[in-house]
C-alpha atoms as a PDB file:
ATOM      1  CA  MET A   1     -65.551  82.206  12.095  1.00  0.00           C
ATOM      2  CA  ASN A   2     -67.931  81.924   9.142  1.00  0.00           C
ATOM      3  CA  GLN A   3     -64.891  82.203   6.873  1.00  0.00           C
ATOM      4  CA  ILE A   4     -63.517  78.970   8.341  1.00  0.00           C
ATOM      5  CA  ARG A   5     -66.849  77.148   8.149  1.00  0.00           C
ATOM      6  CA  GLN A   6     -67.296  78.163   4.503  1.00  0.00           C
ATOM      7  CA  TYR A   7     -63.744  77.043   3.738  1.00  0.00           C
ATOM      8  CA  PHE A   8     -64.335  73.592   5.258  1.00  0.00           C
ATOM      9  CA  GLU A   9     -67.785  73.103   3.767  1.00  0.00           C
ATOM     10  CA  HIS A  10     -66.445  73.999   0.331  1.00  0.00           C
ATOM     11  CA  ALA A  11     -63.367  71.793   0.766  1.00  0.00           C
ATOM     12  CA  ILE A  12     -65.195  68.702   2.024  1.00  0.00           C
ATOM     13  CA  GLN A  13     -68.272  69.381  -0.142  1.00  0.00           C
ATOM     14  CA  LYS A  14     -70.575  68.679   2.736  1.00  0.00           C
ATOM     15  CA  LYS A  15     -72.688  70.825   5.031  1.00  0.00           C
ATOM     16  CA  ILE A  16     -71.432  70.674   8.601  1.00  0.00           C
ATOM     17  CA  ARG A  17     -74.161  70.030  11.159  1.00  0.00           C
ATOM     18  CA  ASP A  18     -74.625  72.955  13.557  1.00  0.00           C
ATOM     19  CA  GLU A  19     -74.010  70.882  16.708  1.00  0.00           C
ATOM     20  CA  GLU A  20     -70.757  69.444  15.321  1.00  0.00           C
ATOM     21  CA  TRP A  21     -69.647  72.898  14.213  1.00  0.00           C
ATOM     22  CA  ALA A  22     -70.431  74.297  17.681  1.00  0.00           C
ATOM     23  CA  PHE A  23     -68.323  71.553  19.276  1.00  0.00           C
ATOM     24  CA  PHE A  24     -65.447  72.196  16.849  1.00  0.00           C
ATOM     25  CA  VAL A  25     -65.603  75.957  17.410  1.00  0.00           C
ATOM     26  CA  SER A  26     -65.595  75.481  21.184  1.00  0.00           C
ATOM     27  CA  LYS A  27     -62.084  74.055  20.801  1.00  0.00           C
ATOM     28  CA  LEU A  28     -60.747  76.948  18.677  1.00  0.00           C
ATOM     29  CA  SER A  29     -59.046  80.032  20.026  1.00  0.00           C
ATOM     30  CA  ARG A  30     -58.600  83.235  18.019  1.00  0.00           C
ATOM     31  CA  GLN A  31     -55.218  84.827  18.543  1.00  0.00           C
ATOM     32  CA  GLU A  32     -53.561  87.897  17.077  1.00  0.00           C
ATOM     33  CA  PHE A  33     -49.815  88.216  16.677  1.00  0.00           C
ATOM     34  CA  PRO A  34     -47.659  91.216  15.790  1.00  0.00           C
ATOM     35  CA  LYS A  35     -45.293  91.366  12.844  1.00  0.00           C
ATOM     36  CA  LYS A  36     -42.038  89.378  13.374  1.00  0.00           C
ATOM     37  CA  HIS A  37     -43.528  87.129  16.084  1.00  0.00           C
ATOM     38  CA  ILE A  38     -42.059  83.618  16.326  1.00  0.00           C
ATOM     39  CA  LEU A  39     -44.958  81.142  16.326  1.00  0.00           C
ATOM     40  CA  LEU A  40     -42.726  78.073  16.559  1.00  0.00           C
ATOM     41  CA  LYS A  41     -39.073  78.021  17.609  1.00  0.00           C
ATOM     42  CA  GLU A  42     -36.538  75.476  16.445  1.00  0.00           C
ATOM     43  CA  GLY A  43     -36.378  72.762  19.130  1.00  0.00           C
ATOM     44  CA  GLN A  44     -39.948  73.394  20.307  1.00  0.00           C
ATOM     45  CA  ILE A  45     -42.777  70.871  19.852  1.00  0.00           C
ATOM     46  CA  GLU A  46     -45.640  72.215  17.736  1.00  0.00           C
ATOM     47  CA  ASN A  47     -48.849  72.183  19.718  1.00  0.00           C
ATOM     48  CA  TYR A  48     -51.184  73.923  17.256  1.00  0.00           C
ATOM     49  CA  LEU A  49     -52.871  73.435  13.939  1.00  0.00           C
ATOM     50  CA  SER A  50     -53.898  76.928  12.863  1.00  0.00           C
ATOM     51  CA  PHE A  51     -56.002  78.534  10.159  1.00  0.00           C
ATOM     52  CA  VAL A  52     -54.832  81.932   8.919  1.00  0.00           C
ATOM     53  CA  GLU A  53     -57.664  84.452   8.963  1.00  0.00           C
ATOM     54  CA  ALA A  54     -55.290  87.253   7.944  1.00  0.00           C
ATOM     55  CA  GLY A  55     -51.541  87.624   7.658  1.00  0.00           C
ATOM     56  CA  ILE A  56     -48.366  86.382   6.049  1.00  0.00           C
ATOM     57  CA  ILE A  57     -46.170  83.744   7.674  1.00  0.00           C
ATOM     58  CA  ARG A  58     -42.840  82.248   6.718  1.00  0.00           C
ATOM     59  CA  TYR A  59     -41.173  78.949   7.578  1.00  0.00           C
ATOM     60  CA  TYR A  60     -37.386  79.004   7.768  1.00  0.00           C
ATOM     61  CA  VAL A  61     -34.268  77.272   8.979  1.00  0.00           C
ATOM     62  CA  PRO A  62     -32.254  79.733  11.076  1.00  0.00           C
ATOM     63  CA  LYS A  63     -28.642  80.123   9.969  1.00  0.00           C
ATOM     64  CA  LEU A  64     -25.857  82.381  11.289  1.00  0.00           C
ATOM     65  CA  GLU A  65     -25.551  84.443   8.118  1.00  0.00           C
ATOM     66  CA  ASN A  66     -28.784  84.019   6.164  1.00  0.00           C
ATOM     67  CA  ASP A  67     -31.908  82.145   7.164  1.00  0.00           C
ATOM     68  CA  LEU A  68     -33.212  79.612   4.636  1.00  0.00           C
ATOM     69  CA  THR A  69     -36.845  80.463   3.914  1.00  0.00           C
ATOM     70  CA  PHE A  70     -38.738  77.514   2.487  1.00  0.00           C
ATOM     71  CA  THR A  71     -42.455  78.342   2.726  1.00  0.00           C
ATOM     72  CA  PHE A  72     -44.830  81.287   2.867  1.00  0.00           C
ATOM     73  CA  VAL A  73     -48.410  80.972   4.107  1.00  0.00           C
ATOM     74  CA  PHE A  74     -51.150  83.482   3.318  1.00  0.00           C
ATOM     75  CA  ASP A  75     -54.793  84.143   4.275  1.00  0.00           C
ATOM     76  CA  ASN A  76     -57.223  81.203   4.240  1.00  0.00           C
ATOM     77  CA  ASN A  77     -54.550  78.540   4.603  1.00  0.00           C
ATOM     78  CA  PHE A  78     -53.307  76.287   7.360  1.00  0.00           C
ATOM     79  CA  VAL A  79     -50.096  76.820   9.268  1.00  0.00           C
ATOM     80  CA  SER A  80     -48.375  74.320  11.532  1.00  0.00           C
ATOM     81  CA  GLY A  81     -45.024  72.712  12.118  1.00  0.00           C
ATOM     82  CA  TYR A  82     -47.015  69.696  11.059  1.00  0.00           C
ATOM     83  CA  ASN A  83     -44.308  67.050  11.258  1.00  0.00           C
ATOM     84  CA  SER A  84     -43.598  68.127  14.849  1.00  0.00           C
ATOM     85  CA  PHE A  85     -47.345  68.359  15.531  1.00  0.00           C
ATOM     86  CA  LEU A  86     -47.883  64.752  14.403  1.00  0.00           C
ATOM     87  CA  THR A  87     -44.763  63.135  15.852  1.00  0.00           C
ATOM     88  CA  ARG A  88     -44.637  65.237  19.056  1.00  0.00           C
ATOM     89  CA  GLU A  89     -40.902  65.708  18.386  1.00  0.00           C
ATOM     90  CA  PRO A  90     -39.018  69.051  18.393  1.00  0.00           C
ATOM     91  CA  SER A  91     -39.164  71.166  15.250  1.00  0.00           C
ATOM     92  CA  THR A  92     -36.055  71.591  13.113  1.00  0.00           C
ATOM     93  CA  TYR A  93     -37.237  74.957  11.760  1.00  0.00           C
ATOM     94  CA  GLN A  94     -39.024  78.103  12.850  1.00  0.00           C
ATOM     95  CA  ILE A  95     -42.294  79.773  11.879  1.00  0.00           C
ATOM     96  CA  GLU A  96     -42.606  83.564  12.002  1.00  0.00           C
ATOM     97  CA  THR A  97     -45.252  86.158  11.191  1.00  0.00           C
ATOM     98  CA  LEU A  98     -44.194  88.689   8.528  1.00  0.00           C
ATOM     99  CA  THR A  99     -47.239  90.901   9.065  1.00  0.00           C
ATOM    100  CA  LYS A 100     -49.789  91.351  11.805  1.00  0.00           C
ATOM    101  CA  THR A 101     -51.508  87.954  11.791  1.00  0.00           C
ATOM    102  CA  THR A 102     -54.789  86.543  13.060  1.00  0.00           C
ATOM    103  CA  LEU A 103     -55.017  82.779  13.587  1.00  0.00           C
ATOM    104  CA  TRP A 104     -57.736  80.367  14.648  1.00  0.00           C
ATOM    105  CA  ARG A 105     -55.924  77.643  16.581  1.00  0.00           C
ATOM    106  CA  VAL A 106     -56.703  74.192  17.908  1.00  0.00           C
ATOM    107  CA  THR A 107     -54.336  72.317  20.210  1.00  0.00           C
ATOM    108  CA  TYR A 108     -53.093  68.818  19.516  1.00  0.00           C
ATOM    109  CA  ASN A 109     -55.111  67.378  22.422  1.00  0.00           C
ATOM    110  CA  ASP A 110     -58.289  69.216  21.447  1.00  0.00           C
ATOM    111  CA  LEU A 111     -57.946  68.024  17.867  1.00  0.00           C
ATOM    112  CA  GLN A 112     -57.705  64.435  19.093  1.00  0.00           C
ATOM    113  CA  THR A 113     -60.935  65.009  21.031  1.00  0.00           C
ATOM    114  CA  ILE A 114     -62.616  66.467  17.934  1.00  0.00           C
ATOM    115  CA  TYR A 115     -61.510  63.410  15.935  1.00  0.00           C
ATOM    116  CA  SER A 116     -62.954  60.990  18.463  1.00  0.00           C
ATOM    117  CA  GLU A 117     -66.188  62.802  19.286  1.00  0.00           C
ATOM    118  CA  THR A 118     -67.438  64.098  15.929  1.00  0.00           C
ATOM    119  CA  GLU A 119     -68.115  62.680  12.514  1.00  0.00           C
ATOM    120  CA  ILE A 120     -66.912  65.824  10.780  1.00  0.00           C
ATOM    121  CA  GLY A 121     -63.664  66.003  12.795  1.00  0.00           C
ATOM    122  CA  ASN A 122     -61.890  63.421  10.686  1.00  0.00           C
ATOM    123  CA  LEU A 123     -62.954  65.175   7.477  1.00  0.00           C
ATOM    124  CA  ILE A 124     -61.664  68.497   8.783  1.00  0.00           C
ATOM    125  CA  GLY A 125     -58.405  66.895   9.946  1.00  0.00           C
ATOM    126  CA  ARG A 126     -57.953  65.146   6.629  1.00  0.00           C
ATOM    127  CA  GLN A 127     -58.581  68.385   4.745  1.00  0.00           C
ATOM    128  CA  ALA A 128     -55.997  70.229   6.831  1.00  0.00           C
ATOM    129  CA  SER A 129     -53.367  67.501   6.412  1.00  0.00           C
ATOM    130  CA  GLU A 130     -54.020  67.186   2.675  1.00  0.00           C
ATOM    131  CA  ASP A 131     -53.733  70.950   2.267  1.00  0.00           C
ATOM    132  CA  LEU A 132     -50.377  71.019   4.062  1.00  0.00           C
ATOM    133  CA  PHE A 133     -49.117  67.972   2.131  1.00  0.00           C
ATOM    134  CA  LEU A 134     -50.098  69.357  -1.280  1.00  0.00           C
ATOM    135  CA  LYS A 135     -48.362  72.678  -0.609  1.00  0.00           C
ATOM    136  CA  LYS A 136     -45.222  70.839   0.483  1.00  0.00           C
ATOM    137  CA  SER A 137     -45.261  68.605  -2.604  1.00  0.00           C
ATOM    138  CA  LYS A 138     -45.823  71.572  -4.902  1.00  0.00           C
ATOM    139  CA  ARG A 139     -42.830  73.343  -3.349  1.00  0.00           C
ATOM    140  CA  GLU A 140     -40.572  70.286  -3.718  1.00  0.00           C
ATOM    141  CA  LEU A 141     -41.535  69.795  -7.368  1.00  0.00           C
ATOM    142  CA  SER A 142     -40.999  73.486  -8.029  1.00  0.00           C
ATOM    143  CA  LEU A 143     -37.449  73.257  -6.666  1.00  0.00           C
ATOM    144  CA  LEU A 144     -36.750  70.227  -8.854  1.00  0.00           C
ATOM    145  CA  ASN A 145     -38.388  71.378 -12.087  1.00  0.00           C
ATOM    146  CA  GLU A 146     -38.425  75.166 -12.263  1.00  0.00           C
ATOM    147  CA  THR A 147     -35.866  77.919 -12.508  1.00  0.00           C
ATOM    148  CA  ALA A 148     -35.561  80.582  -9.824  1.00  0.00           C
ATOM    149  CA  GLU A 149     -37.215  83.014 -12.242  1.00  0.00           C
ATOM    150  CA  GLN A 150     -40.185  80.669 -12.716  1.00  0.00           C
ATOM    151  CA  ARG A 151     -40.512  80.219  -8.933  1.00  0.00           C
ATOM    152  CA  TYR A 152     -40.522  83.999  -8.480  1.00  0.00           C
ATOM    153  CA  GLN A 153     -43.132  84.500 -11.196  1.00  0.00           C
ATOM    154  CA  ASN A 154     -45.330  81.741  -9.719  1.00  0.00           C
ATOM    155  CA  LEU A 155     -45.195  83.353  -6.288  1.00  0.00           C
ATOM    156  CA  PHE A 156     -46.048  86.709  -7.837  1.00  0.00           C
ATOM    157  CA  VAL A 157     -49.001  85.255  -9.774  1.00  0.00           C
ATOM    158  CA  GLU A 158     -50.377  83.381  -6.754  1.00  0.00           C
ATOM    159  CA  GLN A 159     -50.246  86.289  -4.304  1.00  0.00           C
ATOM    160  CA  PRO A 160     -49.526  89.520  -6.255  1.00  0.00           C
ATOM    161  CA  TYR A 161     -50.687  92.013  -3.643  1.00  0.00           C
ATOM    162  CA  LEU A 162     -49.205  90.145  -0.696  1.00  0.00           C
ATOM    163  CA  ILE A 163     -45.783  89.521  -2.208  1.00  0.00           C
ATOM    164  CA  GLN A 164     -45.076  93.243  -1.934  1.00  0.00           C
ATOM    165  CA  GLN A 165     -45.200  92.908   1.859  1.00  0.00           C
ATOM    166  CA  ILE A 166     -42.440  90.272   2.005  1.00  0.00           C
ATOM    167  CA  PRO A 167     -38.842  91.531   2.331  1.00  0.00           C
ATOM    168  CA  LEU A 168     -36.812  90.729  -0.788  1.00  0.00           C
ATOM    169  CA  LYS A 169     -34.170  88.827   1.197  1.00  0.00           C
ATOM    170  CA  TYR A 170     -36.859  86.273   2.204  1.00  0.00           C
ATOM    171  CA  ILE A 171     -38.146  85.969  -1.348  1.00  0.00           C
ATOM    172  CA  ALA A 172     -34.595  85.460  -2.609  1.00  0.00           C
ATOM    173  CA  SER A 173     -33.997  82.729  -0.044  1.00  0.00           C
ATOM    174  CA  TYR A 174     -37.336  81.102  -0.914  1.00  0.00           C
ATOM    175  CA  ILE A 175     -36.549  80.869  -4.631  1.00  0.00           C
ATOM    176  CA  GLY A 176     -32.987  79.767  -3.909  1.00  0.00           C
ATOM    177  CA  VAL A 177     -30.930  82.771  -5.022  1.00  0.00           C
ATOM    178  CA  THR A 178     -29.024  85.680  -3.517  1.00  0.00           C
ATOM    179  CA  PRO A 179     -30.747  89.063  -3.154  1.00  0.00           C
ATOM    180  CA  GLN A 180     -28.507  90.341  -5.978  1.00  0.00           C
ATOM    181  CA  ALA A 181     -29.643  87.543  -8.317  1.00  0.00           C
ATOM    182  CA  LEU A 182     -33.262  88.326  -7.416  1.00  0.00           C
ATOM    183  CA  SER A 183     -32.660  91.961  -8.411  1.00  0.00           C
ATOM    184  CA  ARG A 184     -31.429  90.759 -11.821  1.00  0.00           C
ATOM    185  CA  ILE A 185     -34.482  88.521 -12.215  1.00  0.00           C
ATOM    186  CA  ARG A 186     -36.801  91.388 -11.334  1.00  0.00           C
ATOM    187  CA  LYS A 187     -35.081  93.642 -13.895  1.00  0.00           C
ATOM    188  CA  ARG A 188     -35.410  91.031 -16.645  1.00  0.00           C
ATOM    189  CA  ILE A 189     -39.135  90.506 -16.162  1.00  0.00           C
ATOM    190  CA  SER A 190     -40.176  94.126 -15.627  1.00  0.00           C
END
Protein backbone atom coordinates (compact mmCIF):
# COMPACT_ATOMS: atom_id res chain seq x y z
CA MET A 1 0.00 0.00 0.00
CA ASN A 2 2.85 2.39 0.79
CA GLN A 3 4.28 1.57 -2.64
CA ILE A 4 1.16 3.03 -4.26
CA ARG A 5 1.12 6.12 -2.04
CA GLN A 6 4.79 6.80 -2.78
CA TYR A 7 4.15 6.35 -6.50
CA PHE A 8 1.29 8.87 -6.48
CA GLU A 9 3.03 11.40 -4.25
CA HIS A 10 6.10 11.28 -6.49
CA ALA A 11 4.00 11.49 -9.66
CA ILE A 12 1.80 14.40 -8.57
CA GLN A 13 4.61 16.04 -6.56
CA LYS A 14 2.31 16.65 -3.66
CA LYS A 15 1.86 15.06 -0.25
CA ILE A 16 -1.49 13.33 0.04
CA ARG A 17 -3.40 14.19 3.20
CA ASP A 18 -3.90 11.18 5.47
CA GLU A 19 -7.71 11.45 5.54
CA GLU A 20 -7.92 11.60 1.73
CA TRP A 21 -5.51 8.69 1.43
CA ALA A 22 -7.60 6.67 3.92
CA PHE A 23 -10.73 7.35 1.86
CA PHE A 24 -8.96 6.37 -1.37
CA VAL A 25 -7.56 3.19 0.17
CA SER A 26 -10.98 2.22 1.51
CA LYS A 27 -12.09 1.89 -2.12
CA LEU A 28 -9.15 -0.31 -3.20
CA SER A 29 -9.13 -4.08 -3.15
CA ARG A 30 -5.95 -6.17 -3.32
CA GLN A 31 -6.31 -9.21 -5.52
CA GLU A 32 -3.91 -11.94 -6.56
CA PHE A 33 -4.19 -13.79 -9.85
CA PRO A 34 -2.42 -16.90 -11.11
CA LYS A 35 -0.34 -17.06 -14.27
CA LYS A 36 -2.45 -17.15 -17.49
CA HIS A 37 -5.53 -15.60 -15.85
CA ILE A 38 -7.77 -13.52 -18.13
CA LEU A 39 -8.39 -10.17 -16.41
CA LEU A 40 -10.56 -8.80 -19.21
CA LYS A 41 -12.23 -10.82 -21.96
CA GLU A 42 -13.03 -9.51 -25.41
CA GLY A 43 -16.66 -8.34 -25.35
CA GLN A 44 -16.60 -7.63 -21.60
CA ILE A 45 -16.87 -4.11 -20.14
CA GLU A 46 -13.83 -3.12 -18.09
CA ASN A 47 -14.85 -2.32 -14.55
CA TYR A 48 -11.43 -1.77 -12.96
CA LEU A 49 -8.51 0.59 -12.97
CA SER A 50 -5.67 -1.38 -11.41
CA PHE A 51 -2.16 -0.74 -10.16
CA VAL A 52 0.32 -3.60 -10.58
CA GLU A 53 2.11 -4.35 -7.33
CA ALA A 54 3.86 -7.35 -8.89
CA GLY A 55 3.50 -9.28 -12.12
CA ILE A 56 3.59 -9.17 -15.89
CA ILE A 57 0.46 -8.62 -17.97
CA ARG A 58 -0.16 -8.61 -21.69
CA TYR A 59 -2.86 -7.01 -23.83
CA TYR A 60 -3.78 -8.87 -27.00
CA VAL A 61 -6.30 -9.34 -29.76
CA PRO A 62 -7.28 -13.02 -29.89
CA LYS A 63 -6.91 -14.61 -33.32
CA LEU A 64 -7.49 -18.20 -34.48
CA GLU A 65 -3.86 -18.88 -35.35
CA ASN A 66 -1.74 -16.34 -33.47
CA ASP A 67 -2.86 -13.74 -30.97
CA LEU A 68 -1.70 -10.17 -31.65
CA THR A 69 0.09 -8.93 -28.54
CA PHE A 70 0.24 -5.15 -28.40
CA THR A 71 1.21 -4.19 -24.84
CA PHE A 72 3.04 -5.53 -21.81
CA VAL A 73 2.58 -4.06 -18.33
CA PHE A 74 5.05 -4.55 -15.49
CA ASP A 75 5.33 -3.74 -11.76
CA ASN A 76 4.42 -0.22 -10.61
CA ASN A 77 2.24 0.57 -13.61
CA PHE A 78 -1.45 0.84 -14.30
CA VAL A 79 -3.47 -1.76 -16.15
CA SER A 80 -6.98 -1.34 -17.52
CA GLY A 81 -8.96 -1.80 -20.69
CA TYR A 82 -9.13 1.95 -20.35
CA ASN A 83 -11.17 2.77 -23.44
CA SER A 84 -13.82 0.29 -22.28
CA PHE A 85 -13.50 1.59 -18.71
CA LEU A 86 -14.21 5.17 -19.84
CA THR A 87 -16.88 4.52 -22.46
CA ARG A 88 -18.58 1.61 -20.64
CA GLU A 89 -18.56 -0.26 -23.97
CA PRO A 90 -17.32 -3.85 -24.54
CA SER A 91 -13.59 -4.37 -24.99
CA THR A 92 -12.22 -5.39 -28.38
CA TYR A 93 -9.17 -7.09 -26.83
CA GLN A 94 -8.18 -9.20 -23.86
CA ILE A 95 -5.85 -8.70 -20.90
CA GLU A 96 -4.03 -11.68 -19.39
CA THR A 97 -1.52 -12.27 -16.60
CA LEU A 98 1.76 -13.86 -17.77
CA THR A 99 3.03 -14.43 -14.23
CA LYS A 100 1.46 -14.60 -10.81
CA THR A 101 0.16 -11.05 -10.41
CA THR A 102 -0.92 -8.84 -7.52
CA LEU A 103 -3.17 -5.87 -8.31
CA TRP A 104 -4.69 -3.03 -6.31
CA ARG A 105 -8.04 -2.35 -7.96
CA VAL A 106 -10.70 0.33 -7.86
CA THR A 107 -14.06 -0.07 -9.58
CA TYR A 108 -15.45 2.44 -12.03
CA ASN A 109 -18.20 3.51 -9.60
CA ASP A 110 -15.81 3.83 -6.66
CA LEU A 111 -13.44 5.92 -8.76
CA GLN A 112 -16.29 8.28 -9.61
CA THR A 113 -16.97 8.62 -5.88
CA ILE A 114 -13.29 9.32 -5.20
CA TYR A 115 -13.33 12.01 -7.91
CA SER A 116 -16.36 13.73 -6.43
CA GLU A 117 -15.49 13.46 -2.74
CA THR A 118 -11.75 14.19 -2.58
CA GLU A 119 -9.42 16.88 -3.80
CA ILE A 120 -6.66 14.39 -4.53
CA GLY A 121 -8.95 12.02 -6.47
CA ASN A 122 -8.81 14.05 -9.66
CA LEU A 123 -5.01 14.27 -9.45
CA ILE A 124 -4.75 10.51 -9.00
CA GLY A 125 -7.20 9.89 -11.85
CA ARG A 126 -5.35 12.28 -14.11
CA GLN A 127 -2.03 10.62 -13.29
CA ALA A 128 -3.43 7.18 -14.11
CA SER A 129 -4.96 8.33 -17.41
CA GLU A 130 -1.82 10.23 -18.42
CA ASP A 131 0.32 7.19 -17.64
CA LEU A 132 -1.87 4.94 -19.80
CA PHE A 133 -1.99 7.52 -22.62
CA LEU A 134 1.77 8.07 -22.68
CA LYS A 135 2.48 4.33 -22.86
CA LYS A 136 0.00 3.98 -25.72
CA SER A 137 1.52 6.92 -27.61
CA LYS A 138 5.04 5.59 -27.10
CA ARG A 139 3.97 2.22 -28.51
CA GLU A 140 2.31 3.78 -31.57
CA LEU A 141 5.35 5.93 -32.34
CA SER A 142 7.62 2.93 -31.89
CA LEU A 143 5.61 0.99 -34.49
CA LEU A 144 5.83 3.90 -36.91
CA ASN A 145 9.47 4.89 -36.42
CA GLU A 146 11.49 1.89 -35.26
CA THR A 147 12.52 -1.44 -36.69
CA ALA A 148 11.49 -4.70 -35.05
CA GLU A 149 15.08 -5.04 -33.81
CA GLN A 150 14.94 -1.60 -32.18
CA ARG A 151 11.59 -2.43 -30.54
CA TYR A 152 13.07 -5.66 -29.16
CA GLN A 153 16.16 -3.89 -27.83
CA ASN A 154 14.01 -1.16 -26.22
CA LEU A 155 11.87 -3.76 -24.47
CA PHE A 156 15.01 -5.53 -23.28
CA VAL A 157 16.55 -2.29 -21.96
CA GLU A 158 13.36 -1.22 -20.17
CA GLN A 159 12.69 -4.52 -18.40
CA PRO A 160 15.78 -6.77 -18.77
CA TYR A 161 15.04 -9.19 -15.94
CA LEU A 162 11.32 -9.42 -16.65
CA ILE A 163 11.58 -9.95 -20.39
CA GLN A 164 13.03 -13.40 -19.71
CA GLN A 165 9.68 -14.42 -18.21
CA ILE A 166 7.69 -13.61 -21.37
CA PRO A 167 7.28 -16.42 -23.94
CA LEU A 168 9.10 -15.59 -27.18
CA LYS A 169 5.94 -15.98 -29.27
CA TYR A 170 4.39 -13.02 -27.36
CA ILE A 171 7.51 -10.91 -27.76
CA ALA A 172 7.59 -11.69 -31.48
CA SER A 173 3.95 -10.67 -31.84
CA TYR A 174 4.58 -7.49 -29.82
CA ILE A 175 7.45 -6.33 -32.05
CA GLY A 176 5.56 -7.35 -35.18
CA VAL A 177 7.55 -10.33 -36.44
CA THR A 178 7.31 -14.11 -36.57
CA PRO A 179 9.02 -16.19 -33.87
CA GLN A 180 11.57 -17.25 -36.52
CA ALA A 181 12.41 -13.62 -37.35
CA LEU A 182 12.79 -12.91 -33.63
CA SER A 183 15.29 -15.78 -33.39
CA ARG A 184 17.33 -14.15 -36.18
CA ILE A 185 17.19 -10.78 -34.41
CA ARG A 186 18.34 -12.35 -31.16
CA LYS A 187 21.26 -14.06 -32.94
CA ARG A 188 22.37 -10.80 -34.57
CA ILE A 189 22.48 -8.83 -31.34
CA SER A 190 24.02 -11.47 -29.08
